[in-house]
Amino acid sequence: MRAASLLDVSRDRMAYLPDNPSPLARPAETPDAPAAKTPVAALSSVKSQAASGSGVGAKAPGMAFLVACVRDQMRGWIMAAISIGSVLLAWHLATHYRLDFYVRFGNIPSPAEVFAKVIEVNQSTTFVTNIGISVRRILYGFAIAAVLGIGLGLLIGRYRWFRQISMPALEVFRPIPAIAWVPMSIMLWPSNEVSIVFITFLGAFFPILLNSIHGVEAIDPVLLRAARSLGAREPTLLFEVVLPAALPHIFTGLAVGMGVAWVSLIAAEMISGQFGIGYFTWEAYSLISYPEIALGMITIGILGLLCSSAIRLTSRLAMPWQASASPGERS
């Protein structure tokens, strides 16, 4: 009797078909449902679809980005032309009507007179030579200031003991204007040319130094700890973590330092120089040649603008991650 009941139970189990088969069992493919693709086959399919659509879809974003860049540049040039044109128009009207309301425009040359003087001075090489000498001096002084300012800034901002040794002495020299160094520099250096380069160096050095120090101090300590945990030693940490992280502040110091360097250079050339655009401007004042004075001032402004533009271009090349935003997204 017991054996018969067990036989019936076994027959019932053999006749039972579960609705949900085992996960390990492979379901039979139906004609309506496509077979599941392996990962390799799926990846090949995605690549083929991307290749087929790259002819139209991939070129559109690149072309849109190029159009946005061109549009942004054109808008910038148009706004710059409007700005400069407004200044020239105001200058022309003030000199044409000889305005005199506390600020006197009676002896100020007009833009047409300055343009005529540009044509006159370019008939000889003296004016171009003065420009070349000033550019050479600014490049020498600014290059030395950039190397020493960035190097000392990294060391002072990174190492406390170096800051404690060097900053007290540097803070004593920092408030002294560069122009106050003219008599001392004439006695210090063997030639007048070297003394002018030294004054230019002093004008650019301290803005670069202070901004470099601030850039190092503003680095997130998490970056330094992460680099150390990955096995970075101190030289690697300094040149591959600290320096790139401080670059935005460093380039700000370079831009400010370039402006102060031009101020210091022109002042030094006016006081003790025999050549240069500053000497040209001061000589024009001594000879009461007002168009040449305005020409010298405009030339100094254009040279400063070109130097600042070169620094901004270099910063974009050195920090591509800051220029990754689309120009169309900027307001």
Protein backbone atom coordinates (compact mmCIF):
# COMPACT_ATOMS: atom_id res chain seq x y z
CA MET A 1 0.00 0.00 0.00
CA ARG A 2 2.85 2.37 0.88
CA ALA A 3 4.75 1.42 -2.29
CA ALA A 4 1.70 2.17 -4.44
CA SER A 5 1.30 5.66 -2.91
CA LEU A 6 4.98 6.49 -3.52
CA LEU A 7 4.63 5.36 -7.12
CA ASP A 8 1.64 7.68 -7.59
CA VAL A 9 3.55 10.64 -6.13
CA SER A 10 6.53 10.03 -8.47
CA ARG A 11 4.23 9.89 -11.46
CA ASP A 12 2.65 13.21 -10.42
CA ARG A 13 6.13 14.82 -10.15
CA MET A 14 7.13 13.56 -13.59
CA ALA A 15 3.91 14.92 -15.08
CA TYR A 16 4.42 18.40 -13.51
CA LEU A 17 5.93 21.07 -15.80
CA PRO A 18 6.84 24.30 -13.99
CA ASP A 19 5.80 27.63 -15.47
CA ASN A 20 9.16 29.23 -14.55
CA PRO A 21 12.00 26.97 -15.58
CA SER A 22 15.35 27.04 -13.88
CA PRO A 23 17.51 30.11 -14.58
CA LEU A 24 20.27 27.81 -15.70
CA ALA A 25 18.09 26.29 -18.37
CA ARG A 26 18.38 27.94 -21.80
CA PRO A 27 14.99 28.94 -23.22
CA ALA A 28 14.16 27.86 -26.71
CA GLU A 29 14.14 30.66 -29.28
CA THR A 30 10.84 31.44 -30.83
CA PRO A 31 10.52 32.45 -34.46
CA ASP A 32 9.11 35.85 -33.46
CA ALA A 33 11.84 36.80 -30.93
CA PRO A 34 15.33 37.44 -32.27
CA ALA A 35 18.25 35.60 -30.77
CA ALA A 36 20.15 37.39 -28.02
CA LYS A 37 23.38 38.93 -29.24
CA THR A 38 26.67 38.31 -27.60
CA PRO A 39 28.55 41.39 -26.26
CA VAL A 40 31.01 41.28 -29.17
CA ALA A 41 28.20 41.18 -31.72
CA ALA A 42 26.39 44.02 -29.95
CA LEU A 43 29.56 46.14 -29.90
CA SER A 44 30.13 45.51 -33.60
CA SER A 45 26.58 46.57 -34.31
CA VAL A 46 27.00 49.81 -32.35
CA LYS A 47 30.25 50.59 -34.18
CA SER A 48 28.66 49.99 -37.56
CA GLN A 49 25.75 52.26 -36.67
CA ALA A 50 28.13 54.97 -35.44
CA ALA A 51 30.20 54.68 -38.62
CA SER A 52 27.12 54.95 -40.79
CA GLY A 53 25.92 58.05 -38.94
CA SER A 54 29.31 59.75 -38.63
CA GLY A 55 29.03 61.28 -42.04
CA VAL A 56 26.22 63.60 -40.92
CA GLY A 57 25.93 63.60 -37.15
CA ALA A 58 29.64 63.94 -36.27
CA LYS A 59 30.32 66.88 -38.51
CA ALA A 60 27.40 68.92 -37.27
CA PRO A 61 28.71 69.53 -33.68
CA GLY A 62 32.19 70.42 -34.97
CA MET A 63 30.79 72.83 -37.53
CA ALA A 64 28.49 74.36 -34.91
CA PHE A 65 31.43 74.88 -32.54
CA LEU A 66 33.47 76.52 -35.32
CA VAL A 67 30.60 78.82 -36.23
CA ALA A 68 30.16 79.73 -32.55
CA CYS A 69 33.88 80.56 -32.23
CA VAL A 70 33.85 82.71 -35.36
CA ARG A 71 30.69 84.47 -34.21
CA ASP A 72 32.17 85.13 -30.79
CA GLN A 73 35.41 86.50 -32.28
CA MET A 74 33.53 88.69 -34.74
CA ARG A 75 31.39 90.08 -31.95
CA GLY A 76 34.52 90.85 -29.92
CA TRP A 77 36.19 92.63 -32.83
CA ILE A 78 33.05 94.66 -33.54
CA MET A 79 32.76 95.73 -29.90
CA ALA A 80 36.47 96.65 -29.83
CA ALA A 81 36.06 98.73 -33.01
CA ILE A 82 33.08 100.53 -31.49
CA SER A 83 35.01 101.22 -28.28
CA ILE A 84 38.10 102.61 -30.03
CA GLY A 85 35.98 104.50 -32.53
CA SER A 86 34.06 106.18 -29.73
CA VAL A 87 37.30 107.37 -28.12
CA LEU A 88 38.60 108.72 -31.44
CA LEU A 89 35.30 110.50 -32.11
CA ALA A 90 35.29 112.12 -28.66
CA TRP A 91 38.94 113.13 -29.13
CA HIS A 92 38.19 114.66 -32.54
CA LEU A 93 35.18 116.62 -31.30
CA ALA A 94 37.03 117.90 -28.22
CA THR A 95 40.00 119.16 -30.25
CA HIS A 96 37.88 120.48 -33.12
CA TYR A 97 35.69 122.67 -30.91
CA ARG A 98 38.56 123.52 -28.52
CA LEU A 99 36.59 122.53 -25.46
CA ASP A 100 37.59 124.29 -22.28
CA PHE A 101 35.70 123.24 -19.15
CA TYR A 102 38.46 122.96 -16.57
CA VAL A 103 40.06 120.27 -18.80
CA ARG A 104 41.58 122.23 -21.69
CA PHE A 105 41.83 120.83 -25.21
CA GLY A 106 43.24 124.00 -26.79
CA ASN A 107 46.79 122.63 -27.21
CA ILE A 108 45.90 118.97 -27.66
CA PRO A 109 46.64 117.74 -31.21
CA SER A 110 43.80 116.27 -33.23
CA PRO A 111 43.77 112.67 -34.48
CA ALA A 112 44.51 113.93 -38.01
CA GLU A 113 47.64 115.74 -36.82
CA VAL A 114 48.85 112.67 -34.98
CA PHE A 115 48.25 110.52 -38.07
CA ALA A 116 50.25 112.99 -40.17
CA LYS A 117 53.08 112.75 -37.61
CA VAL A 118 52.98 108.94 -37.91
CA ILE A 119 53.64 109.24 -41.62
CA GLU A 120 56.42 111.75 -41.00
CA VAL A 121 58.34 109.78 -38.35
CA ASN A 122 58.18 106.57 -40.39
CA GLN A 123 60.21 108.20 -43.15
CA SER A 124 63.30 107.48 -41.04
CA THR A 125 64.32 104.52 -38.90
CA THR A 126 64.69 106.48 -35.65
CA PHE A 127 61.16 105.91 -34.42
CA VAL A 128 61.19 102.20 -35.25
CA THR A 129 64.60 101.88 -33.58
CA ASN A 130 63.26 103.43 -30.38
CA ILE A 131 60.36 100.98 -30.40
CA GLY A 132 62.71 98.02 -30.89
CA ILE A 133 64.94 99.12 -28.02
CA SER A 134 62.00 99.47 -25.64
CA VAL A 135 60.60 96.07 -26.65
CA ARG A 136 64.00 94.47 -26.09
CA ARG A 137 64.30 96.01 -22.64
CA ILE A 138 60.80 94.95 -21.64
CA LEU A 139 61.40 91.39 -22.81
CA TYR A 140 64.67 91.06 -20.90
CA GLY A 141 63.35 92.53 -17.67
CA PHE A 142 60.02 90.73 -17.81
CA ALA A 143 61.60 87.36 -18.62
CA ILE A 144 63.97 87.58 -15.65
CA ALA A 145 61.13 88.70 -13.39
CA ALA A 146 58.90 85.84 -14.56
CA VAL A 147 61.55 83.17 -13.95
CA LEU A 148 62.55 84.44 -10.51
CA GLY A 149 59.04 85.45 -9.46
CA ILE A 150 57.42 82.12 -10.35
CA GLY A 151 60.31 80.08 -8.95
CA LEU A 152 60.46 81.93 -5.63
CA GLY A 153 56.66 82.01 -5.45
CA LEU A 154 56.44 78.24 -5.70
CA LEU A 155 59.10 77.75 -3.05
CA ILE A 156 57.72 80.36 -0.66
CA GLY A 157 54.16 79.12 -1.01
CA ARG A 158 55.14 75.47 -0.67
CA TYR A 159 57.74 75.46 2.11
CA ARG A 160 57.16 77.32 5.35
CA TRP A 161 60.83 77.48 6.30
CA PHE A 162 61.69 79.14 2.98
CA ARG A 163 58.92 81.67 3.51
CA GLN A 164 60.19 82.52 6.98
CA ILE A 165 63.68 83.14 5.61
CA SER A 166 62.92 85.12 2.45
CA MET A 167 59.66 87.04 2.95
CA PRO A 168 60.85 89.55 5.62
CA ALA A 169 63.62 90.81 3.34
CA LEU A 170 61.37 90.87 0.29
CA GLU A 171 58.68 92.78 2.15
CA VAL A 172 61.22 95.49 2.94
CA PHE A 173 62.01 96.04 -0.77
CA ARG A 174 58.46 95.63 -2.07
CA PRO A 175 57.04 99.07 -1.09
CA ILE A 176 59.93 100.91 -2.78
CA PRO A 177 58.75 102.21 -6.18
CA ALA A 178 60.76 101.09 -9.16
CA ILE A 179 61.35 104.70 -10.19
CA ALA A 180 63.03 105.36 -6.82
CA TRP A 181 65.68 102.83 -7.81
CA VAL A 182 66.90 104.96 -10.75
CA PRO A 183 69.74 106.78 -8.91
CA MET A 184 70.81 103.62 -7.11
CA SER A 185 70.67 101.47 -10.24
CA ILE A 186 72.88 103.93 -12.12
CA MET A 187 75.50 103.49 -9.41
CA LEU A 188 75.01 99.72 -9.15
CA TRP A 189 75.24 98.62 -12.78
CA PRO A 190 78.07 99.26 -15.23
CA SER A 191 75.91 100.60 -18.07
CA ASN A 192 72.76 102.64 -18.48
CA GLU A 193 71.12 99.86 -20.51
CA VAL A 194 71.47 97.30 -17.71
CA SER A 195 70.13 99.76 -15.13
CA ILE A 196 66.96 100.33 -17.20
CA VAL A 197 66.45 96.58 -17.58
CA PHE A 198 66.91 96.24 -13.80
CA ILE A 199 64.22 98.86 -13.12
CA THR A 200 61.89 97.09 -15.54
CA PHE A 201 62.59 93.82 -13.73
CA LEU A 202 61.70 95.37 -10.36
CA GLY A 203 58.39 96.64 -11.69
CA ALA A 204 57.31 93.19 -12.88
CA PHE A 205 58.85 91.04 -10.16
CA PHE A 206 56.67 91.67 -7.11
CA PRO A 207 53.23 91.28 -8.79
CA ILE A 208 54.37 87.96 -10.25
CA LEU A 209 55.86 86.83 -6.95
CA LEU A 210 52.81 87.62 -4.81
CA ASN A 211 50.33 86.07 -7.22
CA SER A 212 52.44 82.92 -7.48
CA ILE A 213 52.54 82.61 -3.69
CA HIS A 214 48.80 83.09 -3.46
CA GLY A 215 48.23 80.49 -6.17
CA VAL A 216 50.21 77.88 -4.28
CA GLU A 217 48.49 78.65 -0.99
CA ALA A 218 45.04 78.37 -2.61
CA ILE A 219 45.57 74.77 -3.77
CA ASP A 220 43.11 72.26 -2.33
CA PRO A 221 45.02 70.03 0.15
CA VAL A 222 43.00 67.06 -1.10
CA LEU A 223 44.92 67.20 -4.38
CA LEU A 224 48.22 67.02 -2.55
CA ARG A 225 47.11 64.11 -0.37
CA ALA A 226 45.76 62.25 -3.39
CA ALA A 227 49.07 62.68 -5.24
CA ARG A 228 51.02 61.44 -2.22
CA SER A 229 48.75 58.42 -1.86
CA LEU A 230 49.52 57.54 -5.49
CA GLY A 231 53.24 57.56 -4.76
CA ALA A 232 54.22 61.04 -6.03
CA ARG A 233 57.49 62.33 -4.65
CA GLU A 234 58.21 65.97 -3.87
CA PRO A 235 59.67 67.02 -7.27
CA THR A 236 56.77 65.33 -9.06
CA LEU A 237 54.33 66.91 -6.64
CA LEU A 238 55.82 70.35 -7.22
CA PHE A 239 55.91 70.33 -11.03
CA GLU A 240 52.90 68.15 -11.86
CA VAL A 241 50.41 69.14 -9.15
CA VAL A 242 51.38 72.44 -7.52
CA LEU A 243 52.49 74.29 -10.65
CA PRO A 244 49.47 73.40 -12.85
CA ALA A 245 47.06 74.18 -10.01
CA ALA A 246 48.66 77.60 -9.44
CA LEU A 247 48.76 78.58 -13.13
CA PRO A 248 45.59 80.76 -13.07
CA HIS A 249 47.06 82.96 -10.33
CA ILE A 250 50.48 82.94 -11.99
CA PHE A 251 49.10 84.24 -15.28
CA THR A 252 47.18 86.91 -13.40
CA GLY A 253 50.46 88.01 -11.88
CA LEU A 254 52.13 87.97 -15.30
CA ALA A 255 49.42 90.22 -16.75
CA VAL A 256 49.65 92.68 -13.86
CA GLY A 257 53.44 92.54 -13.90
CA MET A 258 53.56 93.36 -17.62
CA GLY A 259 51.58 96.54 -17.05
CA VAL A 260 53.78 97.66 -14.15
CA ALA A 261 56.88 96.77 -16.17
CA TRP A 262 55.84 99.17 -18.95
CA VAL A 263 55.22 101.93 -16.41
CA SER A 264 58.64 101.40 -14.88
CA LEU A 265 60.38 101.20 -18.24
CA ILE A 266 58.88 104.43 -19.59
CA ALA A 267 59.73 106.28 -16.38
CA ALA A 268 63.31 105.00 -16.45
CA GLU A 269 63.72 105.93 -20.12
CA MET A 270 62.39 109.42 -19.48
CA ILE A 271 64.78 110.01 -16.57
CA SER A 272 68.01 108.33 -17.64
CA GLY A 273 67.47 106.83 -21.07
CA GLN A 274 68.98 107.91 -24.38
CA PHE A 275 66.85 105.69 -26.59
CA GLY A 276 63.43 104.07 -26.37
CA ILE A 277 59.83 105.14 -26.73
CA GLY A 278 59.87 106.80 -23.31
CA TYR A 279 62.87 108.89 -24.30
CA PHE A 280 61.14 109.74 -27.60
CA THR A 281 58.07 111.00 -25.72
CA TRP A 282 60.07 113.06 -23.24
CA GLU A 283 62.19 114.57 -26.00
CA ALA A 284 59.01 115.55 -27.84
CA TYR A 285 57.82 117.33 -24.69
CA SER A 286 61.15 119.15 -24.41
CA LEU A 287 60.85 120.29 -28.04
CA ILE A 288 57.15 121.24 -27.54
CA SER A 289 56.06 118.85 -30.30
CA TYR A 290 52.57 117.97 -29.17
CA PRO A 291 51.72 115.50 -31.97
CA GLU A 292 54.85 113.48 -31.15
CA ILE A 293 53.86 113.39 -27.47
CA ALA A 294 50.47 111.93 -28.38
CA LEU A 295 52.12 109.53 -30.81
CA GLY A 296 54.49 108.28 -28.11
CA MET A 297 51.62 107.76 -25.67
CA ILE A 298 49.52 105.88 -28.24
CA THR A 299 52.51 103.72 -29.17
CA ILE A 300 53.08 102.80 -25.53
CA GLY A 301 49.42 101.83 -25.20
CA ILE A 302 49.50 99.67 -28.34
CA LEU A 303 52.69 97.91 -27.25
CA GLY A 304 51.21 97.22 -23.83
CA LEU A 305 48.04 95.86 -25.43
CA LEU A 306 50.05 93.51 -27.65
CA CYS A 307 52.04 92.22 -24.68
CA SER A 308 48.91 91.62 -22.61
CA SER A 309 47.27 89.83 -25.54
CA ALA A 310 50.32 87.59 -25.88
CA ILE A 311 50.06 86.68 -22.19
CA ARG A 312 46.35 85.85 -22.54
CA LEU A 313 47.05 83.70 -25.59
CA THR A 314 49.80 81.87 -23.73
CA SER A 315 47.48 81.27 -20.79
CA ARG A 316 44.89 79.67 -23.09
CA LEU A 317 47.54 77.38 -24.54
CA ALA A 318 48.94 76.48 -21.12
CA MET A 319 45.51 75.96 -19.52
CA PRO A 320 43.27 74.35 -22.15
CA TRP A 321 40.90 73.11 -19.46
CA GLN A 322 39.77 76.70 -18.81
CA ALA A 323 39.01 77.32 -22.48
CA SER A 324 36.93 74.15 -22.90
CA ALA A 325 33.62 75.98 -22.49
CA SER A 326 31.80 76.75 -25.71
CA PRO A 327 32.05 80.42 -26.73
CA GLY A 328 28.29 80.47 -27.35
CA GLU A 329 27.65 79.73 -23.65
CA ARG A 330 29.34 82.91 -22.48
CA SER A 331 27.15 85.91 -21.94
